[in-house]
Structures are given as C-alpha cells and as structure tokens.
Amino acid sequence: MKIELEVNKRYLVTHGSDDGTFEKGDIIKLNKFGFLECLNQSGFLAPMEIEEATKGMKIKNTACNLFYSFNHKITDFDTYAKAWQSGYDTAMEEVESEMKEGAQ
C-alpha cells in the first residue's frame, strides 16, 4: 500500500519499512521538492526512491507538527529543542499506548 503524505507535515513511523530504510520512531516529512526527509536521522530519499523504501511502513500524524508550525516564534535554540523533544515524547507515548492496546 502506498503511503500518502502532505507536504511539510511531520509523521511518526509506527511500523518500520520492509527493507529497513525507516524504523519505528523515525520522524519524516515530504518537502516541497518531493524529497522524503528523515528528520531524526538526517537523511532523505529522492522522489523515485520513496515508493520502494516505504513499503510496509505505517505512519501517524505527530504532535511534533504543533511545535514545527510555531517554530518561527521561537528565537533561541534551547527553547526550540525542548519544544521538539516534548512533541516527540508525546507522539512516542501515543504509539506505545496504541501498541499495548493492540497486543491485548
């Protein structure tokens, strides 16, 4: 199944891709040029690589979007880093909770 991504929206990988390109916990976004960026691994894929590399992957809209959408208002790096980490932690807690519920 092909994943659908909105440009510049952050997604949390909840299940890694079949080939291991993406792992649970990765945060990805599709940039305006069509490249898929892995924000926590500092990597990216060209548009022609995306379909194959994302097979089997599951994603979830992440709380990190809130902090990225307001990042233009944050002027110091420490505040930005704390906001990003808080959003990431919240998203991971949601994923872990859903995985526990699914296992029951």
C-alpha atoms as a PDB file:
ATOM      1  CA  MET A   1       0.000   0.000   0.000  1.00  0.00           C
ATOM      2  CA  LYS A   2       1.370   3.399  -0.971  1.00  0.00           C
ATOM      3  CA  ILE A   3       1.519   5.941   1.849  1.00  0.00           C
ATOM      4  CA  GLU A   4       0.000   9.388   1.361  1.00  0.00           C
ATOM      5  CA  LEU A   5       1.913  12.360   2.767  1.00  0.00           C
ATOM      6  CA  GLU A   6       1.101  16.054   2.893  1.00  0.00           C
ATOM      7  CA  VAL A   7       3.958  18.420   2.074  1.00  0.00           C
ATOM      8  CA  ASN A   8       5.835  19.765   5.128  1.00  0.00           C
ATOM      9  CA  LYS A   9       3.735  17.783   7.597  1.00  0.00           C
ATOM     10  CA  ARG A  10       5.618  15.652  10.132  1.00  0.00           C
ATOM     11  CA  TYR A  11       4.759  11.977  10.572  1.00  0.00           C
ATOM     12  CA  LEU A  12       5.905   9.423  13.103  1.00  0.00           C
ATOM     13  CA  VAL A  13       6.814   5.980  11.779  1.00  0.00           C
ATOM     14  CA  THR A  14       4.845   3.485  13.876  1.00  0.00           C
ATOM     15  CA  HIS A  15       5.992   0.398  11.942  1.00  0.00           C
ATOM     16  CA  GLY A  16       9.275   0.252  10.010  1.00  0.00           C
ATOM     17  CA  SER A  17       9.512  -0.289   6.261  1.00  0.00           C
ATOM     18  CA  ASP A  18      10.020  -3.774   4.846  1.00  0.00           C
ATOM     19  CA  ASP A  19      13.584  -3.058   3.693  1.00  0.00           C
ATOM     20  CA  GLY A  20      14.638  -1.353   6.948  1.00  0.00           C
ATOM     21  CA  THR A  21      15.078   2.119   5.446  1.00  0.00           C
ATOM     22  CA  PHE A  22      12.702   3.510   8.063  1.00  0.00           C
ATOM     23  CA  GLU A  23      12.349   2.290  11.631  1.00  0.00           C
ATOM     24  CA  LYS A  24       9.723   2.726  14.325  1.00  0.00           C
ATOM     25  CA  GLY A  25      10.265   6.135  15.924  1.00  0.00           C
ATOM     26  CA  ASP A  26      11.606   7.906  12.834  1.00  0.00           C
ATOM     27  CA  ILE A  27      10.066  11.284  12.100  1.00  0.00           C
ATOM     28  CA  ILE A  28       9.605  12.001   8.413  1.00  0.00           C
ATOM     29  CA  LYS A  29       8.297  14.754   6.187  1.00  0.00           C
ATOM     30  CA  LEU A  30       7.824  15.252   2.474  1.00  0.00           C
ATOM     31  CA  ASN A  31       9.465  18.547   1.487  1.00  0.00           C
ATOM     32  CA  LYS A  32       8.189  20.935  -1.183  1.00  0.00           C
ATOM     33  CA  PHE A  33      10.635  19.474  -3.729  1.00  0.00           C
ATOM     34  CA  GLY A  34       9.254  15.932  -3.316  1.00  0.00           C
ATOM     35  CA  PHE A  35      12.141  14.544  -1.242  1.00  0.00           C
ATOM     36  CA  LEU A  36      11.260  12.469   1.829  1.00  0.00           C
ATOM     37  CA  GLU A  37      13.318  13.615   4.795  1.00  0.00           C
ATOM     38  CA  CYS A  38      14.010  11.566   7.918  1.00  0.00           C
ATOM     39  CA  LEU A  39      14.395  14.351  10.456  1.00  0.00           C
ATOM     40  CA  ASN A  40      15.869  12.395  13.349  1.00  0.00           C
ATOM     41  CA  GLN A  41      18.367  10.525  11.131  1.00  0.00           C
ATOM     42  CA  SER A  42      19.404  13.496   8.935  1.00  0.00           C
ATOM     43  CA  GLY A  43      18.750  11.604   5.720  1.00  0.00           C
ATOM     44  CA  PHE A  44      16.477  11.890   2.709  1.00  0.00           C
ATOM     45  CA  LEU A  45      15.181   9.968  -0.287  1.00  0.00           C
ATOM     46  CA  ALA A  46      14.706  11.213  -3.836  1.00  0.00           C
ATOM     47  CA  PRO A  47      11.147  11.091  -5.188  1.00  0.00           C
ATOM     48  CA  MET A  48      11.849   7.994  -7.322  1.00  0.00           C
ATOM     49  CA  GLU A  49      13.068   6.054  -4.234  1.00  0.00           C
ATOM     50  CA  ILE A  50      10.115   6.739  -1.946  1.00  0.00           C
ATOM     51  CA  GLU A  51       7.603   4.093  -3.041  1.00  0.00           C
ATOM     52  CA  GLU A  52      10.022   1.166  -2.704  1.00  0.00           C
ATOM     53  CA  ALA A  53      11.611   2.391   0.550  1.00  0.00           C
ATOM     54  CA  THR A  54       8.268   2.930   2.303  1.00  0.00           C
ATOM     55  CA  LYS A  55       6.670  -0.453   1.528  1.00  0.00           C
ATOM     56  CA  GLY A  56       5.214  -1.985   4.669  1.00  0.00           C
ATOM     57  CA  MET A  57       5.692   1.229   6.637  1.00  0.00           C
ATOM     58  CA  LYS A  58       2.937   2.652   8.832  1.00  0.00           C
ATOM     59  CA  ILE A  59       2.826   6.277   9.884  1.00  0.00           C
ATOM     60  CA  LYS A  60       0.894   8.556  12.182  1.00  0.00           C
ATOM     61  CA  ASN A  61       0.384  12.293  12.230  1.00  0.00           C
ATOM     62  CA  THR A  62       2.573  13.503  15.063  1.00  0.00           C
ATOM     63  CA  ALA A  63       2.293  16.071  17.831  1.00  0.00           C
ATOM     64  CA  CYS A  64       5.581  17.483  16.517  1.00  0.00           C
ATOM     65  CA  ASN A  65       3.539  19.357  13.896  1.00  0.00           C
ATOM     66  CA  LEU A  66       2.334  21.746  16.564  1.00  0.00           C
ATOM     67  CA  PHE A  67       5.858  22.762  17.502  1.00  0.00           C
ATOM     68  CA  TYR A  68       7.151  22.970  13.933  1.00  0.00           C
ATOM     69  CA  SER A  69       4.231  25.147  12.893  1.00  0.00           C
ATOM     70  CA  PHE A  70       5.105  27.678  15.577  1.00  0.00           C
ATOM     71  CA  ASN A  71       8.899  27.466  15.246  1.00  0.00           C
ATOM     72  CA  HIS A  72       9.096  30.910  13.630  1.00  0.00           C
ATOM     73  CA  LYS A  73       8.060  32.345  17.028  1.00  0.00           C
ATOM     74  CA  ILE A  74      10.847  30.561  18.924  1.00  0.00           C
ATOM     75  CA  THR A  75      14.060  32.544  18.756  1.00  0.00           C
ATOM     76  CA  ASP A  76      16.517  30.557  20.876  1.00  0.00           C
ATOM     77  CA  PHE A  77      17.672  27.035  20.123  1.00  0.00           C
ATOM     78  CA  ASP A  78      17.211  25.650  23.662  1.00  0.00           C
ATOM     79  CA  THR A  79      13.511  26.524  23.675  1.00  0.00           C
ATOM     80  CA  TYR A  80      13.103  25.072  20.185  1.00  0.00           C
ATOM     81  CA  ALA A  81      14.887  21.837  21.159  1.00  0.00           C
ATOM     82  CA  LYS A  82      12.745  21.426  24.284  1.00  0.00           C
ATOM     83  CA  ALA A  83       9.557  22.003  22.303  1.00  0.00           C
ATOM     84  CA  TRP A  84      10.606  19.489  19.644  1.00  0.00           C
ATOM     85  CA  GLN A  85      11.564  16.852  22.226  1.00  0.00           C
ATOM     86  CA  SER A  86       8.305  17.359  24.081  1.00  0.00           C
ATOM     87  CA  GLY A  87       6.334  16.780  20.873  1.00  0.00           C
ATOM     88  CA  TYR A  88       8.396  13.711  20.001  1.00  0.00           C
ATOM     89  CA  ASP A  89       7.988  12.238  23.501  1.00  0.00           C
ATOM     90  CA  THR A  90       4.225  12.811  23.385  1.00  0.00           C
ATOM     91  CA  ALA A  91       3.953  11.134  19.986  1.00  0.00           C
ATOM     92  CA  MET A  92       6.024   8.134  21.123  1.00  0.00           C
ATOM     93  CA  GLU A  93       3.853   7.730  24.227  1.00  0.00           C
ATOM     94  CA  GLU A  94       0.787   7.625  21.965  1.00  0.00           C
ATOM     95  CA  VAL A  95       2.375   4.981  19.746  1.00  0.00           C
ATOM     96  CA  GLU A  96       3.429   2.811  22.685  1.00  0.00           C
ATOM     97  CA  SER A  97      -0.060   3.067  24.164  1.00  0.00           C
ATOM     98  CA  GLU A  98      -1.657   2.034  20.866  1.00  0.00           C
ATOM     99  CA  MET A  99       0.756  -0.897  20.516  1.00  0.00           C
ATOM    100  CA  LYS A 100      -0.102  -2.118  24.030  1.00  0.00           C
ATOM    101  CA  GLU A 101      -3.827  -1.877  23.270  1.00  0.00           C
ATOM    102  CA  GLY A 102      -3.317  -3.793  20.012  1.00  0.00           C
ATOM    103  CA  ALA A 103      -1.453  -6.588  21.799  1.00  0.00           C
ATOM    104  CA  GLN A 104      -4.332  -7.203  24.214  1.00  0.00           C
END
